[in-house]
PDB file of N, CA and C in Angstrom:
ATOM      1  N   UNK A   1     -11.126 281.780   5.554  1.00  0.00           N
ATOM      2  CA  UNK A   1     -10.222 281.064   4.674  1.00  0.00           C
ATOM      3  C   UNK A   1     -11.008 280.035   3.862  1.00  0.00           C
ATOM      4  N   UNK A   2     -10.692 279.914   2.612  1.00  0.00           N
ATOM      5  CA  UNK A   2     -11.373 278.988   1.711  1.00  0.00           C
ATOM      6  C   UNK A   2     -10.683 277.632   1.796  1.00  0.00           C
ATOM      7  N   UNK A   3     -11.463 276.583   2.123  1.00  0.00           N
ATOM      8  CA  UNK A   3     -10.922 275.228   2.133  1.00  0.00           C
ATOM      9  C   UNK A   3     -10.982 274.660   0.724  1.00  0.00           C
ATOM     10  N   UNK A   4      -9.912 274.027   0.313  1.00  0.00           N
ATOM     11  CA  UNK A   4      -9.877 273.468  -1.033  1.00  0.00           C
ATOM     12  C   UNK A   4     -10.963 272.412  -1.199  1.00  0.00           C
ATOM     13  N   UNK A   5     -11.722 272.504  -2.267  1.00  0.00           N
ATOM     14  CA  UNK A   5     -12.795 271.584  -2.632  1.00  0.00           C
ATOM     15  C   UNK A   5     -14.007 271.634  -1.700  1.00  0.00           C
ATOM     16  N   UNK A   6     -14.035 272.532  -0.735  1.00  0.00           N
ATOM     17  CA  UNK A   6     -15.194 272.664   0.150  1.00  0.00           C
ATOM     18  C   UNK A   6     -16.143 273.687  -0.467  1.00  0.00           C
ATOM     19  N   UNK A   7     -17.423 273.371  -0.544  1.00  0.00           N
ATOM     20  CA  UNK A   7     -18.373 274.317  -1.144  1.00  0.00           C
ATOM     21  C   UNK A   7     -18.715 275.466  -0.201  1.00  0.00           C
ATOM     22  N   UNK A   8     -19.194 276.550  -0.784  1.00  0.00           N
ATOM     23  CA  UNK A   8     -19.774 277.649  -0.006  1.00  0.00           C
ATOM     24  C   UNK A   8     -21.189 277.217   0.331  1.00  0.00           C
ATOM     25  N   UNK A   9     -21.557 277.245   1.608  1.00  0.00           N
ATOM     26  CA  UNK A   9     -22.854 276.747   2.059  1.00  0.00           C
ATOM     27  C   UNK A   9     -23.667 277.878   2.686  1.00  0.00           C
ATOM     28  N   UNK A  10     -24.963 277.868   2.421  1.00  0.00           N
ATOM     29  CA  UNK A  10     -25.868 278.801   3.081  1.00  0.00           C
ATOM     30  C   UNK A  10     -27.246 278.158   3.202  1.00  0.00           C
ATOM     31  N   UNK A  11     -27.931 278.461   4.288  1.00  0.00           N
ATOM     32  CA  UNK A  11     -29.322 278.009   4.446  1.00  0.00           C
ATOM     33  C   UNK A  11     -30.285 279.168   4.190  1.00  0.00           C
ATOM     34  N   UNK A  12     -29.757 280.307   3.791  1.00  0.00           N
ATOM     35  CA  UNK A  12     -30.548 281.506   3.508  1.00  0.00           C
ATOM     36  C   UNK A  12     -31.038 281.464   2.056  1.00  0.00           C
ATOM     37  N   UNK A  13     -32.332 281.231   1.878  1.00  0.00           N
ATOM     38  CA  UNK A  13     -32.890 281.101   0.529  1.00  0.00           C
ATOM     39  C   UNK A  13     -32.741 282.387  -0.273  1.00  0.00           C
ATOM     40  N   UNK A  14     -32.938 283.529   0.360  1.00  0.00           N
ATOM     41  CA  UNK A  14     -32.804 284.799  -0.355  1.00  0.00           C
ATOM     42  C   UNK A  14     -31.360 285.015  -0.814  1.00  0.00           C
ATOM     43  N   UNK A  15     -30.400 284.692   0.034  1.00  0.00           N
ATOM     44  CA  UNK A  15     -28.993 284.806  -0.363  1.00  0.00           C
ATOM     45  C   UNK A  15     -28.693 283.844  -1.509  1.00  0.00           C
ATOM     46  N   UNK A  16     -29.210 282.627  -1.438  1.00  0.00           N
ATOM     47  CA  UNK A  16     -29.008 281.657  -2.524  1.00  0.00           C
ATOM     48  C   UNK A  16     -29.600 282.184  -3.831  1.00  0.00           C
ATOM     49  N   UNK A  17     -30.770 282.807  -3.762  1.00  0.00           N
ATOM     50  CA  UNK A  17     -31.384 283.386  -4.960  1.00  0.00           C
ATOM     51  C   UNK A  17     -30.494 284.492  -5.519  1.00  0.00           C
ATOM     52  N   UNK A  18     -29.982 285.335  -4.653  1.00  0.00           N
ATOM     53  CA  UNK A  18     -29.075 286.405  -5.097  1.00  0.00           C
ATOM     54  C   UNK A  18     -27.843 285.819  -5.788  1.00  0.00           C
ATOM     55  N   UNK A  19     -27.254 284.784  -5.192  1.00  0.00           N
ATOM     56  CA  UNK A  19     -26.062 284.183  -5.784  1.00  0.00           C
ATOM     57  C   UNK A  19     -26.372 283.530  -7.130  1.00  0.00           C
ATOM     58  N   UNK A  20     -27.552 282.921  -7.270  1.00  0.00           N
ATOM     59  CA  UNK A  20     -27.947 282.352  -8.561  1.00  0.00           C
ATOM     60  C   UNK A  20     -28.127 283.458  -9.600  1.00  0.00           C
ATOM     61  N   UNK A  21     -28.712 284.575  -9.213  1.00  0.00           N
ATOM     62  CA  UNK A  21     -28.868 285.698 -10.146  1.00  0.00           C
ATOM     63  C   UNK A  21     -27.494 286.204 -10.590  1.00  0.00           C
ATOM     64  N   UNK A  22     -26.516 286.138  -9.699  1.00  0.00           N
ATOM     65  CA  UNK A  22     -25.144 286.560 -10.027  1.00  0.00           C
ATOM     66  C   UNK A  22     -24.405 285.482 -10.821  1.00  0.00           C
ATOM     67  N   UNK A  23     -25.102 284.398 -11.176  1.00  0.00           N
ATOM     68  CA  UNK A  23     -24.569 283.313 -12.004  1.00  0.00           C
ATOM     69  C   UNK A  23     -23.547 282.420 -11.321  1.00  0.00           C
ATOM     70  N   UNK A  24     -23.623 282.285 -10.007  1.00  0.00           N
ATOM     71  CA  UNK A  24     -22.776 281.314  -9.323  1.00  0.00           C
ATOM     72  C   UNK A  24     -23.389 279.936  -9.480  1.00  0.00           C
ATOM     73  N   UNK A  25     -22.532 278.916  -9.593  1.00  0.00           N
ATOM     74  CA  UNK A  25     -22.971 277.551  -9.850  1.00  0.00           C
ATOM     75  C   UNK A  25     -23.478 276.896  -8.563  1.00  0.00           C
ATOM     76  N   UNK A  26     -24.758 276.514  -8.567  1.00  0.00           N
ATOM     77  CA  UNK A  26     -25.364 275.792  -7.448  1.00  0.00           C
ATOM     78  C   UNK A  26     -25.056 274.314  -7.636  1.00  0.00           C
ATOM     79  N   UNK A  27     -24.192 273.783  -6.786  1.00  0.00           N
ATOM     80  CA  UNK A  27     -23.789 272.375  -6.894  1.00  0.00           C
ATOM     81  C   UNK A  27     -24.958 271.464  -6.547  1.00  0.00           C
ATOM     82  N   UNK A  28     -25.575 271.732  -5.394  1.00  0.00           N
ATOM     83  CA  UNK A  28     -26.695 270.906  -4.948  1.00  0.00           C
ATOM     84  C   UNK A  28     -27.369 271.562  -3.751  1.00  0.00           C
ATOM     85  N   UNK A  29     -28.467 270.950  -3.343  1.00  0.00           N
ATOM     86  CA  UNK A  29     -29.148 271.349  -2.104  1.00  0.00           C
ATOM     87  C   UNK A  29     -29.081 270.150  -1.180  1.00  0.00           C
ATOM     88  N   UNK A  30     -28.545 270.359   0.007  1.00  0.00           N
ATOM     89  CA  UNK A  30     -28.368 269.297   0.990  1.00  0.00           C
ATOM     90  C   UNK A  30     -29.586 269.284   1.911  1.00  0.00           C
ATOM     91  N   UNK A  31     -30.351 268.210   1.849  1.00  0.00           N
ATOM     92  CA  UNK A  31     -31.546 268.060   2.680  1.00  0.00           C
ATOM     93  C   UNK A  31     -31.301 267.192   3.906  1.00  0.00           C
ATOM     94  N   UNK A  32     -30.066 266.777   4.142  1.00  0.00           N
ATOM     95  CA  UNK A  32     -29.740 265.851   5.228  1.00  0.00           C
ATOM     96  C   UNK A  32     -29.858 266.476   6.621  1.00  0.00           C
ATOM     97  N   UNK A  33     -29.554 267.745   6.734  1.00  0.00           N
ATOM     98  CA  UNK A  33     -29.599 268.416   8.030  1.00  0.00           C
ATOM     99  C   UNK A  33     -31.026 268.876   8.326  1.00  0.00           C
ATOM    100  N   UNK A  34     -31.310 269.222   9.573  1.00  0.00           N
ATOM    101  CA  UNK A  34     -32.670 269.721   9.876  1.00  0.00           C
ATOM    102  C   UNK A  34     -33.063 270.923   9.026  1.00  0.00           C
ATOM    103  N   UNK A  35     -32.104 271.784   8.707  1.00  0.00           N
ATOM    104  CA  UNK A  35     -32.342 272.938   7.832  1.00  0.00           C
ATOM    105  C   UNK A  35     -31.537 272.706   6.565  1.00  0.00           C
ATOM    106  N   UNK A  36     -32.188 272.697   5.427  1.00  0.00           N
ATOM    107  CA  UNK A  36     -31.508 272.469   4.146  1.00  0.00           C
ATOM    108  C   UNK A  36     -30.413 273.510   3.943  1.00  0.00           C
ATOM    109  N   UNK A  37     -29.437 273.159   3.103  1.00  0.00           N
ATOM    110  CA  UNK A  37     -28.353 274.076   2.755  1.00  0.00           C
ATOM    111  C   UNK A  37     -28.124 274.065   1.252  1.00  0.00           C
ATOM    112  N   UNK A  38     -27.874 275.236   0.711  1.00  0.00           N
ATOM    113  CA  UNK A  38     -27.500 275.387  -0.687  1.00  0.00           C
ATOM    114  C   UNK A  38     -25.984 275.340  -0.759  1.00  0.00           C
ATOM    115  N   UNK A  39     -25.453 274.549  -1.677  1.00  0.00           N
ATOM    116  CA  UNK A  39     -24.009 274.407  -1.830  1.00  0.00           C
ATOM    117  C   UNK A  39     -23.595 274.985  -3.178  1.00  0.00           C
ATOM    118  N   UNK A  40     -22.701 275.970  -3.125  1.00  0.00           N
ATOM    119  CA  UNK A  40     -22.182 276.638  -4.315  1.00  0.00           C
ATOM    120  C   UNK A  40     -20.680 276.382  -4.432  1.00  0.00           C
ATOM    121  N   UNK A  41     -20.153 276.485  -5.643  1.00  0.00           N
ATOM    122  CA  UNK A  41     -18.700 276.456  -5.810  1.00  0.00           C
ATOM    123  C   UNK A  41     -18.121 277.645  -5.060  1.00  0.00           C
ATOM    124  N   UNK A  42     -17.149 277.383  -4.223  1.00  0.00           N
ATOM    125  CA  UNK A  42     -16.572 278.428  -3.379  1.00  0.00           C
ATOM    126  C   UNK A  42     -15.497 279.212  -4.118  1.00  0.00           C
ATOM    127  N   UNK A  43     -15.420 280.485  -3.811  1.00  0.00           N
ATOM    128  CA  UNK A  43     -14.372 281.360  -4.339  1.00  0.00           C
ATOM    129  C   UNK A  43     -14.336 282.620  -3.480  1.00  0.00           C
ATOM    130  N   UNK A  44     -13.278 283.372  -3.636  1.00  0.00           N
ATOM    131  CA  UNK A  44     -13.196 284.650  -2.921  1.00  0.00           C
ATOM    132  C   UNK A  44     -14.316 285.583  -3.387  1.00  0.00           C
ATOM    133  N   UNK A  45     -14.634 285.561  -4.680  1.00  0.00           N
ATOM    134  CA  UNK A  45     -15.657 286.456  -5.230  1.00  0.00           C
ATOM    135  C   UNK A  45     -17.051 286.128  -4.683  1.00  0.00           C
ATOM    136  N   UNK A  46     -17.401 284.845  -4.567  1.00  0.00           N
ATOM    137  CA  UNK A  46     -18.721 284.502  -4.033  1.00  0.00           C
ATOM    138  C   UNK A  46     -18.829 284.965  -2.583  1.00  0.00           C
ATOM    139  N   UNK A  47     -17.746 284.856  -1.834  1.00  0.00           N
ATOM    140  CA  UNK A  47     -17.756 285.312  -0.439  1.00  0.00           C
ATOM    141  C   UNK A  47     -17.915 286.837  -0.354  1.00  0.00           C
ATOM    142  N   UNK A  48     -17.267 287.549  -1.259  1.00  0.00           N
ATOM    143  CA  UNK A  48     -17.413 289.010  -1.285  1.00  0.00           C
ATOM    144  C   UNK A  48     -18.841 289.409  -1.647  1.00  0.00           C
ATOM    145  N   UNK A  49     -19.413 288.755  -2.670  1.00  0.00           N
ATOM    146  CA  UNK A  49     -20.791 289.066  -3.062  1.00  0.00           C
ATOM    147  C   UNK A  49     -21.777 288.701  -1.954  1.00  0.00           C
ATOM    148  N   UNK A  50     -21.564 287.564  -1.299  1.00  0.00           N
ATOM    149  CA  UNK A  50     -22.435 287.162  -0.187  1.00  0.00           C
ATOM    150  C   UNK A  50     -22.334 288.176   0.954  1.00  0.00           C
ATOM    151  N   UNK A  51     -21.124 288.612   1.260  1.00  0.00           N
ATOM    152  CA  UNK A  51     -20.948 289.607   2.319  1.00  0.00           C
ATOM    153  C   UNK A  51     -21.638 290.923   1.955  1.00  0.00           C
ATOM    154  N   UNK A  52     -21.510 291.353   0.707  1.00  0.00           N
ATOM    155  CA  UNK A  52     -22.194 292.579   0.273  1.00  0.00           C
ATOM    156  C   UNK A  52     -23.709 292.434   0.408  1.00  0.00           C
ATOM    157  N   UNK A  53     -24.242 291.258   0.090  1.00  0.00           N
ATOM    158  CA  UNK A  53     -25.673 291.006   0.249  1.00  0.00           C
ATOM    159  C   UNK A  53     -26.063 291.113   1.733  1.00  0.00           C
ATOM    160  N   UNK A  54     -25.285 290.471   2.584  1.00  0.00           N
ATOM    161  CA  UNK A  54     -25.595 290.425   4.017  1.00  0.00           C
ATOM    162  C   UNK A  54     -25.570 291.817   4.642  1.00  0.00           C
ATOM    163  N   UNK A  55     -24.623 292.661   4.222  1.00  0.00           N
ATOM    164  CA  UNK A  55     -24.529 294.004   4.814  1.00  0.00           C
ATOM    165  C   UNK A  55     -25.397 295.032   4.089  1.00  0.00           C
ATOM    166  N   UNK A  56     -26.106 294.590   3.045  1.00  0.00           N
ATOM    167  CA  UNK A  56     -27.048 295.478   2.370  1.00  0.00           C
ATOM    168  C   UNK A  56     -26.462 296.321   1.257  1.00  0.00           C
ATOM    169  N   UNK A  57     -25.303 295.932   0.736  1.00  0.00           N
ATOM    170  CA  UNK A  57     -24.666 296.693  -0.339  1.00  0.00           C
ATOM    171  C   UNK A  57     -24.712 295.997  -1.686  1.00  0.00           C
ATOM    172  N   UNK A  58     -25.621 295.051  -1.858  1.00  0.00           N
ATOM    173  CA  UNK A  58     -25.705 294.301  -3.107  1.00  0.00           C
ATOM    174  C   UNK A  58     -26.866 294.800  -3.953  1.00  0.00           C
ATOM    175  N   UNK A  59     -26.638 294.863  -5.244  1.00  0.00           N
ATOM    176  CA  UNK A  59     -27.683 295.258  -6.182  1.00  0.00           C
ATOM    177  C   UNK A  59     -27.921 294.130  -7.178  1.00  0.00           C
ATOM    178  N   UNK A  60     -29.175 293.953  -7.560  1.00  0.00           N
ATOM    179  CA  UNK A  60     -29.519 292.956  -8.561  1.00  0.00           C
ATOM    180  C   UNK A  60     -30.835 293.340  -9.210  1.00  0.00           C
ATOM    181  N   UNK A  61     -31.159 292.702 -10.306  1.00  0.00           N
ATOM    182  CA  UNK A  61     -32.423 292.950 -10.984  1.00  0.00           C
ATOM    183  C   UNK A  61     -33.557 292.336 -10.153  1.00  0.00           C
ATOM    184  N   UNK A  62     -34.524 293.133  -9.724  1.00  0.00           N
ATOM    185  CA  UNK A  62     -35.581 292.613  -8.847  1.00  0.00           C
ATOM    186  C   UNK A  62     -36.449 291.538  -9.489  1.00  0.00           C
ATOM    187  N   UNK A  63     -36.714 291.619 -10.777  1.00  0.00           N
ATOM    188  CA  UNK A  63     -37.551 290.597 -11.410  1.00  0.00           C
ATOM    189  C   UNK A  63     -36.802 289.269 -11.516  1.00  0.00           C
ATOM    190  N   UNK A  64     -35.502 289.308 -11.804  1.00  0.00           N
ATOM    191  CA  UNK A  64     -34.693 288.085 -11.826  1.00  0.00           C
ATOM    192  C   UNK A  64     -34.634 287.472 -10.433  1.00  0.00           C
ATOM    193  N   UNK A  65     -34.415 288.318  -9.431  1.00  0.00           N
ATOM    194  CA  UNK A  65     -34.351 287.834  -8.058  1.00  0.00           C
ATOM    195  C   UNK A  65     -35.671 287.175  -7.659  1.00  0.00           C
ATOM    196  N   UNK A  66     -36.789 287.807  -7.945  1.00  0.00           N
ATOM    197  CA  UNK A  66     -38.105 287.251  -7.572  1.00  0.00           C
ATOM    198  C   UNK A  66     -38.347 285.910  -8.262  1.00  0.00           C
ATOM    199  N   UNK A  67     -37.991 285.816  -9.536  1.00  0.00           N
ATOM    200  CA  UNK A  67     -38.181 284.570 -10.289  1.00  0.00           C
ATOM    201  C   UNK A  67     -37.347 283.433  -9.697  1.00  0.00           C
ATOM    202  N   UNK A  68     -36.079 283.690  -9.417  1.00  0.00           N
ATOM    203  CA  UNK A  68     -35.193 282.668  -8.866  1.00  0.00           C
ATOM    204  C   UNK A  68     -35.620 282.306  -7.440  1.00  0.00           C
ATOM    205  N   UNK A  69     -36.005 283.299  -6.644  1.00  0.00           N
ATOM    206  CA  UNK A  69     -36.437 283.051  -5.270  1.00  0.00           C
ATOM    207  C   UNK A  69     -37.659 282.131  -5.257  1.00  0.00           C
ATOM    208  N   UNK A  70     -38.614 282.384  -6.140  1.00  0.00           N
ATOM    209  CA  UNK A  70     -39.809 281.524  -6.235  1.00  0.00           C
ATOM    210  C   UNK A  70     -39.425 280.115  -6.646  1.00  0.00           C
ATOM    211  N   UNK A  71     -38.503 279.996  -7.610  1.00  0.00           N
ATOM    212  CA  UNK A  71     -38.079 278.670  -8.057  1.00  0.00           C
ATOM    213  C   UNK A  71     -37.388 277.918  -6.923  1.00  0.00           C
ATOM    214  N   UNK A  72     -36.512 278.574  -6.180  1.00  0.00           N
ATOM    215  CA  UNK A  72     -35.839 277.909  -5.070  1.00  0.00           C
ATOM    216  C   UNK A  72     -36.840 277.441  -4.024  1.00  0.00           C
ATOM    217  N   UNK A  73     -37.837 278.254  -3.717  1.00  0.00           N
ATOM    218  CA  UNK A  73     -38.857 277.840  -2.746  1.00  0.00           C
ATOM    219  C   UNK A  73     -39.649 276.638  -3.257  1.00  0.00           C
ATOM    220  N   UNK A  74     -39.952 276.617  -4.545  1.00  0.00           N
ATOM    221  CA  UNK A  74     -40.665 275.478  -5.141  1.00  0.00           C
ATOM    222  C   UNK A  74     -39.799 274.216  -5.060  1.00  0.00           C
ATOM    223  N   UNK A  75     -38.515 274.352  -5.343  1.00  0.00           N
ATOM    224  CA  UNK A  75     -37.584 273.226  -5.287  1.00  0.00           C
ATOM    225  C   UNK A  75     -37.485 272.677  -3.867  1.00  0.00           C
ATOM    226  N   UNK A  76     -37.376 273.562  -2.894  1.00  0.00           N
ATOM    227  CA  UNK A  76     -37.276 273.142  -1.500  1.00  0.00           C
ATOM    228  C   UNK A  76     -38.541 272.400  -1.078  1.00  0.00           C
ATOM    229  N   UNK A  77     -39.687 272.915  -1.476  1.00  0.00           N
ATOM    230  CA  UNK A  77     -40.964 272.277  -1.142  1.00  0.00           C
ATOM    231  C   UNK A  77     -41.021 270.861  -1.716  1.00  0.00           C
ATOM    232  N   UNK A  78     -40.524 270.698  -2.953  1.00  0.00           N
ATOM    233  CA  UNK A  78     -40.525 269.385  -3.608  1.00  0.00           C
ATOM    234  C   UNK A  78     -39.373 268.496  -3.128  1.00  0.00           C
ATOM    235  N   UNK A  79     -38.368 269.111  -2.476  1.00  0.00           N
ATOM    236  CA  UNK A  79     -37.163 268.407  -2.023  1.00  0.00           C
ATOM    237  C   UNK A  79     -36.430 267.766  -3.200  1.00  0.00           C
ATOM    238  N   UNK A  80     -36.228 268.563  -4.245  1.00  0.00           N
ATOM    239  CA  UNK A  80     -35.491 268.114  -5.424  1.00  0.00           C
ATOM    240  C   UNK A  80     -34.297 269.041  -5.631  1.00  0.00           C
ATOM    241  N   UNK A  81     -33.543 268.789  -6.688  1.00  0.00           N
ATOM    242  CA  UNK A  81     -32.388 269.615  -7.020  1.00  0.00           C
ATOM    243  C   UNK A  81     -32.781 270.628  -8.103  1.00  0.00           C
ATOM    244  N   UNK A  82     -31.939 271.628  -8.293  1.00  0.00           N
ATOM    245  CA  UNK A  82     -32.183 272.706  -9.267  1.00  0.00           C
ATOM    246  C   UNK A  82     -32.505 272.144 -10.647  1.00  0.00           C
ATOM    247  N   UNK A  83     -31.739 271.168 -11.083  1.00  0.00           N
ATOM    248  CA  UNK A  83     -31.899 270.608 -12.420  1.00  0.00           C
ATOM    249  C   UNK A  83     -33.171 269.771 -12.557  1.00  0.00           C
ATOM    250  N   UNK A  84     -33.724 269.318 -11.442  1.00  0.00           N
ATOM    251  CA  UNK A  84     -34.890 268.415 -11.470  1.00  0.00           C
ATOM    252  C   UNK A  84     -36.219 269.144 -11.573  1.00  0.00           C
ATOM    253  N   UNK A  85     -36.211 270.459 -11.441  1.00  0.00           N
ATOM    254  CA  UNK A  85     -37.458 271.215 -11.451  1.00  0.00           C
ATOM    255  C   UNK A  85     -37.799 271.655 -12.866  1.00  0.00           C
TER     256      UNK A  85
END
């Protein structure tokens, strides 16, 4: 169930890269917990796409995915936000 105003959260960098390639809005990266979390605007569609990724039924452009995945790893290393890189 989707909680109103609660973001979709994941600590999976590859899933976050996939969601960014699908043009979902990355609200922020939460560094407060021992394992960082990516926070996206929640919706039924983002949950469906995330589930398809998790079960192996998601398709995306590999070069876009690689570019975004590298950027997310660079951002995490710097401990900054998407817009700050």
